[in-house]
Amino acid sequence: YTIKAPIDGTVIYKNIKAGDTLDTANGATTLCYIADLSSIVFTLSVDELDISKIEAGQKAQITADAVDGMFSGTVTKVSINGTTVNGVTTYPVEITLDDPGELIPGMNVNADIIIEEKTDVLMVPVSAVMRGSVCYVEGKGKTDEKEEGKMMNTVPEGFHQVKVKTGVNSDDFIEITEGLKEGDKVYLRTASTTNFMFPGMGGGMPQGGMGGGMPR
């Protein structure tokens, strides 16, 4: 009797070898496991604060420690069956790789899900925008007196306050829709140092979240 698998693929685990006698009383005997490696899927745990932004069809950028390069994928399923640990709920999101390349089942991966993308936008580092949507720009200008007491003791001379309007943001950069122009020099506040950064025109600014998963 010839037993055929219902799919094409690669045998990754075998329970029965040639010559073994099968238990005919047990109709659930598993001979082997076959994987269709042309399509690899992994599950990503997404925080409850971000899950409302995720939907099927969104693109994802995937990296793996074991394989060089970046891979692309697509969100194929968003589950509402969450898991709560220490008061934090996460939801499983299924991502299918477009081309798995050298990735194989069992490898650990990280993914950025792109929830919004813009091109040719003016952007600055997130830390350049202070509370109240304010940036400090080099040059002559007027600074609000209330804010002067809060910030001007840390902002070098020659910088003034500018109210800005912001758009989308990633973890590192934020879009400026009004208030700045390309070439303005802005004050960038860090924990222990002072830096200056020129706003630039970004070729693309994805907004997404990081997560880890295991392909299968």
Protein backbone atom coordinates (compact mmCIF):
# COMPACT_ATOMS: atom_id res chain seq x y z
CA TYR A 1 0.00 0.00 0.00
CA THR A 2 1.37 3.42 -0.94
CA ILE A 3 0.76 6.29 1.49
CA LYS A 4 1.01 9.78 -0.01
CA ALA A 5 1.18 13.11 1.76
CA PRO A 6 -1.55 15.65 0.94
CA ILE A 7 1.05 18.38 0.27
CA ASP A 8 4.45 18.78 -1.34
CA GLY A 9 7.22 19.56 1.10
CA THR A 10 10.19 18.40 3.11
CA VAL A 11 10.15 15.67 5.77
CA ILE A 12 11.32 17.31 9.01
CA TYR A 13 10.47 14.49 11.46
CA LYS A 14 9.72 10.79 10.96
CA ASN A 15 8.09 8.46 13.47
CA ILE A 16 7.98 5.30 11.37
CA LYS A 17 10.78 3.73 9.34
CA ALA A 18 10.59 1.33 6.44
CA GLY A 19 9.70 -2.18 7.59
CA ASP A 20 7.83 -1.17 10.75
CA THR A 21 4.41 -2.72 11.37
CA LEU A 22 1.64 -0.18 11.75
CA ASP A 23 -0.97 -0.41 14.48
CA THR A 24 -4.09 -0.84 12.40
CA ALA A 25 -6.30 -0.39 15.47
CA ASN A 26 -5.10 3.19 15.82
CA GLY A 27 -6.25 5.27 12.89
CA ALA A 28 -4.41 8.34 14.16
CA THR A 29 -0.87 7.03 13.71
CA THR A 30 1.42 9.83 12.52
CA LEU A 31 4.06 8.53 10.12
CA CYS A 32 5.99 11.78 9.70
CA TYR A 33 5.78 15.55 9.63
CA ILE A 34 6.11 17.34 6.30
CA ALA A 35 6.62 21.08 5.98
CA ASP A 36 5.97 23.22 2.94
CA LEU A 37 9.04 25.44 3.27
CA SER A 38 7.98 27.65 0.37
CA SER A 39 5.72 29.45 2.87
CA ILE A 40 6.86 30.16 6.43
CA VAL A 41 4.54 31.67 9.05
CA PHE A 42 5.40 32.99 12.51
CA THR A 43 3.40 34.46 15.36
CA LEU A 44 4.23 37.82 16.90
CA SER A 45 3.01 38.96 20.33
CA VAL A 46 1.69 42.53 20.12
CA ASP A 47 1.02 44.70 23.17
CA GLU A 48 -2.57 45.72 23.94
CA LEU A 49 -1.65 49.39 23.40
CA ASP A 50 -0.72 48.69 19.77
CA ILE A 51 -3.04 45.89 18.70
CA SER A 52 -5.78 48.28 17.51
CA LYS A 53 -3.36 49.60 14.87
CA ILE A 54 -2.66 46.16 13.40
CA GLU A 55 -4.76 44.63 10.63
CA ALA A 56 -4.46 41.91 8.00
CA GLY A 57 -2.65 43.00 4.85
CA GLN A 58 -0.10 45.29 6.52
CA LYS A 59 3.52 44.78 5.51
CA ALA A 60 6.27 43.77 7.91
CA GLN A 61 10.07 43.92 7.89
CA ILE A 62 11.72 40.85 9.44
CA THR A 63 15.26 40.20 10.65
CA ALA A 64 16.86 37.10 12.16
CA ASP A 65 20.03 36.67 14.22
CA ALA A 66 20.94 33.50 12.36
CA VAL A 67 20.56 34.88 8.82
CA ASP A 68 21.87 38.13 7.38
CA GLY A 69 19.64 40.59 5.59
CA MET A 70 16.05 41.76 5.89
CA PHE A 71 12.98 39.83 4.84
CA SER A 72 9.50 41.05 4.00
CA GLY A 73 6.21 39.65 5.17
CA THR A 74 2.48 40.30 5.39
CA VAL A 75 0.10 40.23 8.35
CA THR A 76 -2.30 37.38 7.60
CA LYS A 77 -4.20 37.05 10.89
CA VAL A 78 -4.87 39.18 13.97
CA SER A 79 -6.27 37.23 16.92
CA ILE A 80 -8.46 38.74 19.63
CA ASN A 81 -7.64 35.89 22.02
CA GLY A 82 -5.15 37.70 24.24
CA THR A 83 -2.85 36.43 26.97
CA THR A 84 -2.39 38.39 30.20
CA VAL A 85 0.86 38.14 32.18
CA ASN A 86 1.65 40.44 35.14
CA GLY A 87 -1.20 42.75 34.19
CA VAL A 88 -0.08 43.18 30.57
CA THR A 89 -2.10 41.67 27.73
CA THR A 90 -0.60 40.70 24.39
CA TYR A 91 -2.31 39.38 21.27
CA PRO A 92 -0.95 36.91 18.71
CA VAL A 93 -0.47 38.29 15.21
CA GLU A 94 0.36 35.89 12.37
CA ILE A 95 2.84 37.03 9.72
CA THR A 96 3.61 35.14 6.52
CA LEU A 97 7.01 35.71 4.93
CA ASP A 98 6.90 36.67 1.26
CA ASP A 99 10.15 34.82 0.55
CA PRO A 100 11.67 32.85 3.45
CA GLY A 101 15.06 32.54 1.74
CA GLU A 102 17.42 30.79 4.15
CA LEU A 103 15.03 30.98 7.11
CA ILE A 104 13.94 27.60 8.44
CA PRO A 105 11.42 26.53 11.12
CA GLY A 106 12.65 27.06 14.67
CA MET A 107 14.69 30.22 14.04
CA ASN A 108 13.94 33.30 16.15
CA VAL A 109 13.01 36.48 14.31
CA ASN A 110 12.11 40.12 15.01
CA ALA A 111 9.56 42.10 13.04
CA ASP A 112 8.52 45.70 12.45
CA ILE A 113 4.91 45.99 11.29
CA ILE A 114 4.44 49.06 9.12
CA ILE A 115 1.13 50.67 10.08
CA GLU A 116 1.66 53.90 8.13
CA GLU A 117 4.26 55.10 5.69
CA LYS A 118 5.00 58.50 4.17
CA THR A 119 7.63 59.69 1.74
CA ASP A 120 9.33 63.07 1.24
CA VAL A 121 8.45 64.37 4.70
CA LEU A 122 10.31 66.85 6.90
CA MET A 123 11.39 65.10 10.07
CA VAL A 124 13.48 65.59 13.20
CA PRO A 125 14.52 63.27 16.03
CA VAL A 126 11.67 62.67 18.48
CA SER A 127 13.66 64.22 21.34
CA ALA A 128 13.86 67.54 19.46
CA VAL A 129 10.13 68.13 20.07
CA MET A 130 9.49 69.28 23.64
CA ARG A 131 6.28 69.21 25.64
CA GLY A 132 3.64 71.39 24.06
CA SER A 133 4.89 70.65 20.52
CA VAL A 134 7.80 73.08 20.81
CA CYS A 135 11.21 73.01 19.14
CA TYR A 136 14.15 75.31 19.85
CA VAL A 137 15.65 76.67 16.65
CA GLU A 138 18.94 78.50 16.15
CA GLY A 139 18.53 82.17 15.22
CA LYS A 140 16.72 85.25 16.43
CA GLY A 141 13.19 84.89 17.67
CA LYS A 142 10.86 85.22 20.65
CA THR A 143 10.52 82.63 23.41
CA ASP A 144 7.44 82.35 25.61
CA GLU A 145 8.29 83.69 29.09
CA LYS A 146 6.58 80.79 30.88
CA GLU A 147 8.61 78.29 28.92
CA GLU A 148 11.80 80.29 29.24
CA GLY A 149 12.11 79.48 32.93
CA LYS A 150 11.62 75.77 32.27
CA MET A 151 13.90 75.23 29.31
CA MET A 152 16.15 78.16 28.52
CA ASN A 153 18.51 77.30 31.36
CA THR A 154 19.42 74.16 29.42
CA VAL A 155 19.14 75.51 25.88
CA PRO A 156 22.30 77.28 24.63
CA GLU A 157 22.19 80.95 23.70
CA GLY A 158 21.11 81.73 20.18
CA PHE A 159 18.11 79.41 20.15
CA HIS A 160 14.46 80.48 20.29
CA GLN A 161 11.18 78.66 20.74
CA VAL A 162 9.09 77.62 17.73
CA LYS A 163 5.66 76.02 17.90
CA VAL A 164 5.37 73.08 15.51
CA LYS A 165 2.72 70.72 14.22
CA THR A 166 3.61 67.07 14.05
CA GLY A 167 2.47 64.12 11.98
CA VAL A 168 3.39 60.45 12.08
CA ASN A 169 6.37 59.18 14.02
CA SER A 170 8.58 56.16 14.39
CA ASP A 171 10.60 55.27 17.48
CA ASP A 172 13.37 57.65 16.37
CA PHE A 173 11.89 60.37 14.15
CA ILE A 174 8.76 62.50 13.98
CA GLU A 175 7.20 64.30 11.02
CA ILE A 176 6.98 68.12 11.15
CA THR A 177 4.09 69.49 9.09
CA GLU A 178 4.33 73.15 10.20
CA GLY A 179 6.81 75.39 12.01
CA LEU A 180 10.16 74.26 10.58
CA LYS A 181 11.81 74.22 7.20
CA GLU A 182 14.56 72.07 5.80
CA GLY A 183 17.93 73.38 6.95
CA ASP A 184 16.77 74.77 10.32
CA LYS A 185 19.15 73.87 13.14
CA VAL A 186 17.25 72.54 16.18
CA TYR A 187 18.27 71.80 19.73
CA LEU A 188 18.24 68.12 20.57
CA ARG A 189 17.97 67.28 24.25
CA THR A 190 19.57 64.07 25.52
CA ALA A 191 20.13 62.68 28.99
CA SER A 192 23.59 64.14 29.49
CA THR A 193 24.68 65.99 26.37
CA THR A 194 23.53 68.69 24.00
CA ASN A 195 23.37 68.00 20.28
CA PHE A 196 22.17 69.88 17.25
CA MET A 197 20.39 68.39 14.27
CA PHE A 198 19.25 69.71 10.92
CA PRO A 199 15.75 68.66 9.85
CA GLY A 200 15.92 66.47 6.79
CA MET A 201 13.65 65.23 4.05
CA GLY A 202 13.06 61.57 4.67
CA GLY A 203 12.77 59.07 1.86
CA GLY A 204 10.29 57.07 3.90
CA MET A 205 9.25 56.87 7.53
CA PRO A 206 7.54 53.67 8.59
CA GLN A 207 5.71 53.56 11.87
CA GLY A 208 5.50 50.24 13.63
CA GLY A 209 6.32 48.08 16.59
CA MET A 210 8.99 45.54 17.39
CA GLY A 211 8.34 42.01 18.35
CA GLY A 212 9.76 38.56 18.31
CA GLY A 213 8.43 35.33 16.95
CA MET A 214 9.36 31.84 15.85
CA PRO A 215 8.75 30.75 12.26
CA ARG A 216 6.91 27.53 11.66
